[in-house]
Protein backbone atom coordinates (compact mmCIF):
# COMPACT_ATOMS: atom_id res chain seq x y z
CA UNK A 1 81.89 0.22 40.81
CA UNK A 2 85.15 -1.12 39.52
CA UNK A 3 84.72 -4.72 38.35
CA UNK A 4 82.48 -5.36 35.37
CA UNK A 5 79.56 -7.61 36.43
CA UNK A 6 79.20 -10.94 34.62
CA UNK A 7 75.53 -11.39 35.51
CA UNK A 8 72.73 -8.85 35.88
CA UNK A 9 69.74 -9.91 38.01
CA UNK A 10 66.43 -8.10 38.45
CA UNK A 11 64.64 -7.90 41.77
CA UNK A 12 61.15 -6.50 42.18
CA UNK A 13 59.61 -5.10 45.37
CA UNK A 14 55.83 -5.32 45.22
CA UNK A 15 52.93 -4.69 47.53
CA UNK A 16 51.02 -7.76 48.79
CA UNK A 17 48.26 -5.77 50.48
CA UNK A 18 47.51 -2.19 51.36
CA UNK A 19 49.57 -0.94 54.30
CA UNK A 20 48.05 -0.11 57.67
CA UNK A 21 47.71 3.52 58.71
CA UNK A 22 49.37 4.93 61.83
CA UNK A 23 46.28 6.49 63.33
CA UNK A 24 45.43 6.78 67.03
CA UNK A 25 41.93 5.58 67.87
CA UNK A 26 40.07 7.86 70.32
CA UNK A 27 38.14 4.88 71.75
CA UNK A 28 40.67 2.10 72.36
CA UNK A 29 43.96 4.02 71.83
CA UNK A 30 45.11 1.51 69.20
CA UNK A 31 47.65 3.07 66.84
CA UNK A 32 46.66 1.25 63.64
CA UNK A 33 43.79 1.46 61.20
CA UNK A 34 42.99 -0.40 58.00
CA UNK A 35 41.10 0.44 54.85
CA UNK A 36 39.81 -3.13 54.66
CA UNK A 37 38.40 -3.76 51.19
CA UNK A 38 38.24 0.02 50.69
CA UNK A 39 35.15 2.20 50.79
CA UNK A 40 34.60 5.84 50.00
CA UNK A 41 31.93 8.15 51.31
CA UNK A 42 30.77 10.95 49.03
CA UNK A 43 28.66 13.73 50.54
CA UNK A 44 27.06 16.53 48.55
CA UNK A 45 26.39 19.95 49.99
CA UNK A 46 24.77 21.95 47.23
CA UNK A 47 27.24 21.96 44.34
CA UNK A 48 30.15 21.08 46.60
CA UNK A 49 31.37 17.57 47.36
CA UNK A 50 33.26 16.03 50.22
CA UNK A 51 34.98 12.68 49.62
CA UNK A 52 36.43 10.53 52.40
CA UNK A 53 38.17 7.17 52.50
CA UNK A 54 36.70 5.14 55.35
CA UNK A 55 39.19 3.46 57.68
CA UNK A 56 38.61 1.09 60.60
CA UNK A 57 40.56 0.74 63.82
CA UNK A 58 42.23 -2.68 63.99
CA UNK A 59 41.58 -2.82 67.75
CA UNK A 60 37.90 -1.95 68.14
CA UNK A 61 36.54 -1.67 64.56
CA UNK A 62 35.61 2.03 65.01
CA UNK A 63 35.17 3.74 61.64
CA UNK A 64 36.76 7.10 60.90
CA UNK A 65 37.41 9.12 57.75
CA UNK A 66 40.51 10.12 55.81
CA UNK A 67 39.77 13.28 53.82
CA UNK A 68 40.28 12.91 50.06
CA UNK A 69 38.47 16.06 48.85
CA UNK A 70 36.89 18.77 50.93
CA UNK A 71 34.28 21.23 49.60
CA UNK A 72 35.24 20.70 45.96
CA UNK A 73 32.92 21.91 43.19
CA UNK A 74 31.50 18.94 41.30
CA UNK A 75 32.78 20.34 38.00
CA UNK A 76 36.41 20.26 39.26
CA UNK A 77 36.38 16.50 39.90
CA UNK A 78 37.32 14.12 37.13
CA UNK A 79 34.11 12.24 36.17
CA UNK A 80 35.98 8.91 36.06
CA UNK A 81 37.36 9.50 39.56
CA UNK A 82 33.91 10.45 40.84
CA UNK A 83 32.50 7.22 39.37
CA UNK A 84 35.37 5.34 41.06
CA UNK A 85 34.53 6.91 44.42
CA UNK A 86 30.90 5.86 44.05
CA UNK A 87 31.90 2.32 42.96
CA UNK A 88 34.58 1.93 45.68
CA UNK A 89 37.18 1.12 43.00
CA UNK A 90 40.05 -0.84 44.66
CA UNK A 91 42.66 0.75 42.38
CA UNK A 92 41.43 4.18 43.39
CA UNK A 93 41.56 3.19 47.08
CA UNK A 94 45.22 2.21 46.63
CA UNK A 95 46.01 5.39 44.67
CA UNK A 96 44.46 7.59 47.37
CA UNK A 97 46.16 5.75 50.21
CA UNK A 98 49.60 5.84 48.54
CA UNK A 99 49.32 9.45 47.39
CA UNK A 100 51.85 11.48 49.42
CA UNK A 101 49.60 14.56 49.30
CA UNK A 102 47.29 12.91 51.84
CA UNK A 103 50.16 12.63 54.34
CA UNK A 104 48.91 9.38 55.79
CA UNK A 105 51.60 7.68 57.88
CA UNK A 106 51.73 4.12 56.58
CA UNK A 107 52.90 0.90 58.24
CA UNK A 108 54.35 -1.37 55.53
CA UNK A 109 55.32 -4.29 57.81
CA UNK A 110 54.12 -7.50 56.20
CA UNK A 111 52.61 -5.62 53.25
CA UNK A 112 55.31 -6.25 50.64
CA UNK A 113 57.46 -8.99 49.19
CA UNK A 114 60.68 -9.25 47.22
CA UNK A 115 60.57 -11.21 43.97
CA UNK A 116 64.00 -12.54 43.02
CA UNK A 117 65.14 -14.99 40.33
CA UNK A 118 65.21 -18.61 41.42
CA UNK A 119 68.86 -19.06 40.40
CA UNK A 120 71.22 -18.96 43.40
CA UNK A 121 74.30 -16.74 43.35
CA UNK A 122 77.19 -19.01 42.47
CA UNK A 123 79.97 -19.07 39.94
CA UNK A 124 80.71 -15.85 38.06
CA UNK A 125 81.46 -12.84 40.25
CA UNK A 126 80.70 -10.00 40.62
CA UNK A 127 76.92 -9.95 40.10
CA UNK A 128 74.93 -6.78 39.48
CA UNK A 129 71.41 -6.58 40.87
CA UNK A 130 68.85 -4.03 39.69
CA UNK A 131 66.06 -3.39 42.20
CA UNK A 132 62.75 -1.98 40.94
CA UNK A 133 59.73 -0.93 43.01
CA UNK A 134 56.20 -1.63 41.74
CA UNK A 135 54.84 0.51 44.59
CA UNK A 136 56.54 3.13 46.78
CA UNK A 137 57.33 0.71 49.62
CA UNK A 138 59.89 2.38 51.94
CA UNK A 139 62.49 -0.26 52.76
CA UNK A 140 66.09 0.07 53.86
CA UNK A 141 68.44 -1.28 51.16
CA UNK A 142 70.57 -3.17 53.72
CA UNK A 143 67.49 -5.07 54.95
CA UNK A 144 66.28 -5.73 51.41
CA UNK A 145 69.70 -6.96 50.25
CA UNK A 146 70.20 -9.14 53.33
CA UNK A 147 66.76 -10.68 52.79
CA UNK A 148 67.35 -11.24 49.05
CA UNK A 149 70.83 -12.72 49.47
CA UNK A 150 70.07 -14.69 52.63
CA UNK A 151 72.90 -13.07 54.60
CA UNK A 152 72.98 -11.01 57.78
CA UNK A 153 72.65 -7.22 57.64
CA UNK A 154 76.12 -6.98 59.19
CA UNK A 155 77.58 -8.80 56.16
CA UNK A 156 75.94 -6.51 53.60
CA UNK A 157 78.51 -3.65 53.65
CA UNK A 158 81.37 -6.14 53.13
CA UNK A 159 79.67 -8.02 50.28
CA UNK A 160 77.98 -5.16 48.40
CA UNK A 161 78.97 -2.02 46.54
CA UNK A 162 76.04 0.37 46.24
CA UNK A 163 75.64 4.03 45.23
CA UNK A 164 72.68 4.66 47.58
CA UNK A 165 72.75 4.84 51.36
CA UNK A 166 72.23 1.34 52.74
CA UNK A 167 70.52 2.58 55.90
CA UNK A 168 68.16 5.22 54.53
CA UNK A 169 64.79 3.92 53.28
CA UNK A 170 64.45 3.82 49.50
CA UNK A 171 61.19 3.89 47.53
CA UNK A 172 62.70 4.05 44.05
CA UNK A 173 64.86 1.67 42.05
CA UNK A 174 68.58 1.32 42.66
CA UNK A 175 71.35 -1.08 41.68
CA UNK A 176 74.20 -2.71 43.53
CA UNK A 177 77.05 -5.15 42.89
CA UNK A 178 77.50 -8.32 44.93
CA UNK A 179 81.14 -9.22 45.40
CA UNK A 180 82.55 -12.73 45.67
CA UNK A 181 82.38 -14.19 49.20
CA UNK A 182 86.20 -14.41 49.16
CA UNK A 183 86.73 -10.87 47.81
CA UNK A 184 88.30 -8.24 50.06
CA UNK A 185 85.80 -5.98 51.88
CA UNK A 186 84.24 -3.19 49.82
CA UNK A 187 85.58 0.30 50.47
CA UNK A 188 83.12 2.57 52.23
């Protein structure tokens, strides 16, 4: 990135609610399920525990289970986590749902927002923007930048210099430089 930015802005991508799960319902064939307020079911079988996160179909309200732990000895579970499962701790529900080890396919549409400074981009150019993620929301940088700058996605490559792929979803922080509207197009 050649020109030294005059201004550095911080953007934050944060979750507004838990995402929906891509999960086919055997009753109504709906493809989405929700955790709602979040409830766990803990079942003991001797000294072994099974823990599930309960999910509901958004179409017919049928309840099904997402396996969290299967046939785990009680002694291997963290006591604080076990208490959280029994108390239906909302933070633990989010941690389980967002944990990539559970391989739940998540639908993030409408479940996140972009917090940007109120000051409009005007005056000193170029402007550097640092994007941080509070949660691992997969969003394409070109869509995020277009939304944050109020421009079309087609204008993003001409107005922005970025070291990450603009069309591949990102879940971790990145930075980019916004060029002056009258500047020549950025080199690819």
